Amino acid sequence: MTTTSTALTKEEVEKFVYDWYHALDVHVPPAEAEEMVDMENVEFHIPEGIRQGPQAFRDMYHFWTNTFFDEVHSMLELGVTLEGEQARVKLLVDWKARTWTPPEPNHKDIHFHAGQSWVVVRHPSTGRPAIQQYIVDTFDAVEDSANQ
């Protein structure tokens, strides 16, 4: 299905950002996560490196959902700037999660503040907002983090 493109609104992009973090917190199925991303043009700059293209996104999402649990993302700052048919997002998110690496006897609690910059466009099939570019600008451990 191809949709007619209309300009994004600030309100729908802000809602989308919150929906994205909720999706990460509850580990939506991969197909649902893919609907939130412009899969053909996706580019994620994360602390582990740059991930581009559909398979890189699938691998990254699989890693995230199989490594982190009990996740809670809380928005600290959110700014949206509309630029034609795309939006630029600047945000600061508080991220708490747990990890467990077998055969470790216990899980680890992690806590970070992540500053990010996104480019959001309309998904080419659904017409809903979708991440095209996602850059982690800063990634700072919070004092109670096990990974200081």
Protein backbone atom coordinates (compact mmCIF):
# COMPACT_ATOMS: atom_id res chain seq x y z
CA MET A 1 0.00 0.00 0.00
CA THR A 2 1.38 3.41 -0.93
CA THR A 3 0.09 6.48 0.83
CA THR A 4 -0.06 10.12 -0.15
CA SER A 5 2.58 12.01 1.78
CA THR A 6 1.53 14.87 4.00
CA ALA A 7 3.70 16.89 6.32
CA LEU A 8 4.22 15.51 9.79
CA THR A 9 2.84 17.45 12.72
CA LYS A 10 4.71 18.21 15.92
CA GLU A 11 2.02 16.44 17.97
CA GLU A 12 2.15 13.19 15.97
CA VAL A 13 5.97 13.12 16.11
CA GLU A 14 5.97 13.70 19.88
CA LYS A 15 3.41 10.90 20.33
CA PHE A 16 5.50 8.67 18.06
CA VAL A 17 8.62 9.20 20.21
CA TYR A 18 6.73 8.08 23.31
CA ASP A 19 5.24 5.14 21.38
CA TRP A 20 8.74 4.09 20.26
CA TYR A 21 10.06 3.95 23.80
CA HIS A 22 6.96 2.10 24.99
CA ALA A 23 7.55 -0.43 22.19
CA LEU A 24 11.13 -0.92 23.43
CA ASP A 25 9.98 -1.28 27.04
CA VAL A 26 7.46 -4.02 26.24
CA HIS A 27 9.56 -5.69 23.51
CA VAL A 28 6.98 -5.55 20.73
CA PRO A 29 7.35 -8.26 18.08
CA PRO A 30 9.97 -7.42 15.44
CA ALA A 31 7.35 -6.82 12.74
CA GLU A 32 5.76 -4.09 14.88
CA ALA A 33 9.15 -2.45 15.50
CA GLU A 34 9.87 -2.54 11.76
CA GLU A 35 6.66 -0.59 11.09
CA MET A 36 8.13 2.24 13.21
CA VAL A 37 11.25 2.49 11.04
CA ASP A 38 11.91 3.46 7.41
CA MET A 39 13.48 0.05 6.78
CA GLU A 40 14.93 0.84 3.36
CA ASN A 41 16.77 3.95 4.57
CA VAL A 42 17.27 3.21 8.27
CA GLU A 43 20.50 4.29 9.92
CA PHE A 44 21.21 3.89 13.64
CA HIS A 45 24.35 5.37 15.22
CA ILE A 46 24.59 3.61 18.58
CA PRO A 47 27.49 3.19 21.01
CA GLU A 48 28.31 -0.20 19.41
CA GLY A 49 28.68 1.35 15.93
CA ILE A 50 26.63 2.33 12.88
CA ARG A 51 23.81 0.02 11.76
CA GLN A 52 22.35 0.61 8.29
CA GLY A 53 19.66 -1.21 6.35
CA PRO A 54 16.92 -3.71 7.09
CA GLN A 55 19.00 -6.67 8.23
CA ALA A 56 21.19 -4.53 10.48
CA PHE A 57 18.05 -3.15 12.14
CA ARG A 58 16.62 -6.66 12.61
CA ASP A 59 19.88 -7.90 14.15
CA MET A 60 20.11 -4.86 16.44
CA TYR A 61 16.49 -5.18 17.60
CA HIS A 62 16.99 -8.91 18.26
CA PHE A 63 20.08 -8.11 20.34
CA TRP A 64 18.24 -5.41 22.31
CA THR A 65 15.22 -7.58 23.10
CA ASN A 66 17.35 -10.58 24.02
CA THR A 67 19.85 -8.68 26.17
CA PHE A 68 17.87 -6.06 28.10
CA PHE A 69 14.80 -6.66 30.26
CA ASP A 70 12.65 -4.79 32.78
CA GLU A 71 13.33 -1.70 30.68
CA VAL A 72 11.91 1.70 31.54
CA HIS A 73 12.48 4.70 29.28
CA SER A 74 11.46 8.10 30.71
CA MET A 75 11.62 11.26 28.63
CA LEU A 76 13.62 14.07 30.24
CA GLU A 77 13.72 16.50 27.30
CA LEU A 78 12.01 16.44 23.90
CA GLY A 79 12.20 18.93 21.05
CA VAL A 80 10.73 18.56 17.55
CA THR A 81 11.54 20.77 14.58
CA LEU A 82 9.50 20.32 11.39
CA GLU A 83 11.43 20.57 8.11
CA GLY A 84 9.20 20.03 5.09
CA GLU A 85 8.10 16.40 5.03
CA GLN A 86 10.45 15.31 7.81
CA ALA A 87 11.02 16.18 11.45
CA ARG A 88 14.20 16.51 13.45
CA VAL A 89 13.99 15.30 17.02
CA LYS A 90 16.40 16.12 19.86
CA LEU A 91 15.79 14.29 23.11
CA LEU A 92 17.25 13.16 26.39
CA VAL A 93 15.90 9.89 27.71
CA ASP A 94 16.48 8.20 31.07
CA TRP A 95 16.93 4.46 30.47
CA LYS A 96 16.89 1.82 33.18
CA ALA A 97 17.20 -1.87 32.43
CA ARG A 98 18.60 -5.15 33.59
CA THR A 99 20.95 -7.52 31.84
CA TRP A 100 22.02 -11.05 32.55
CA THR A 101 24.92 -12.84 30.95
CA PRO A 102 24.96 -16.61 31.52
CA PRO A 103 26.47 -18.14 33.58
CA GLU A 104 26.70 -15.06 35.84
CA PRO A 105 24.90 -15.71 39.15
CA ASN A 106 23.06 -12.37 39.14
CA HIS A 107 21.61 -9.79 36.79
CA LYS A 108 23.06 -6.28 36.48
CA ASP A 109 21.03 -3.10 36.81
CA ILE A 110 22.00 -0.42 34.31
CA HIS A 111 20.95 3.22 34.19
CA PHE A 112 21.91 5.76 31.52
CA HIS A 113 20.92 9.15 30.18
CA ALA A 114 20.99 9.05 26.38
CA GLY A 115 20.98 12.21 24.30
CA GLN A 116 19.70 11.46 20.82
CA SER A 117 19.01 13.11 17.46
CA TRP A 118 16.51 11.55 15.06
CA VAL A 119 15.15 12.19 11.60
CA VAL A 120 11.51 11.10 11.34
CA VAL A 121 9.67 10.68 8.03
CA ARG A 122 6.39 9.16 6.95
CA HIS A 123 6.59 5.39 6.57
CA PRO A 124 6.39 4.66 2.83
CA SER A 125 3.70 1.97 3.31
CA THR A 126 1.70 2.94 6.40
CA GLY A 127 1.93 6.74 6.23
CA ARG A 128 2.68 6.85 9.96
CA PRO A 129 5.82 8.44 11.42
CA ALA A 130 8.96 6.31 11.11
CA ILE A 131 12.58 6.66 12.18
CA GLN A 132 14.96 7.18 9.29
CA GLN A 133 18.03 8.21 11.25
CA TYR A 134 18.73 7.68 14.96
CA ILE A 135 21.93 9.04 16.47
CA VAL A 136 23.02 8.56 20.07
CA ASP A 137 24.86 11.80 20.75
CA THR A 138 25.62 11.17 24.43
CA PHE A 139 25.38 8.06 26.59
CA ASP A 140 26.16 8.76 30.22
CA ALA A 141 25.97 6.31 33.10
CA VAL A 142 23.88 7.50 36.04
CA GLU A 143 25.48 7.03 39.46
CA ASP A 144 23.42 3.99 40.44
CA SER A 145 24.42 2.12 37.26
CA ALA A 146 26.38 -1.12 37.52
CA ASN A 147 28.28 -0.10 34.36
CA GLN A 148 29.99 3.07 35.60
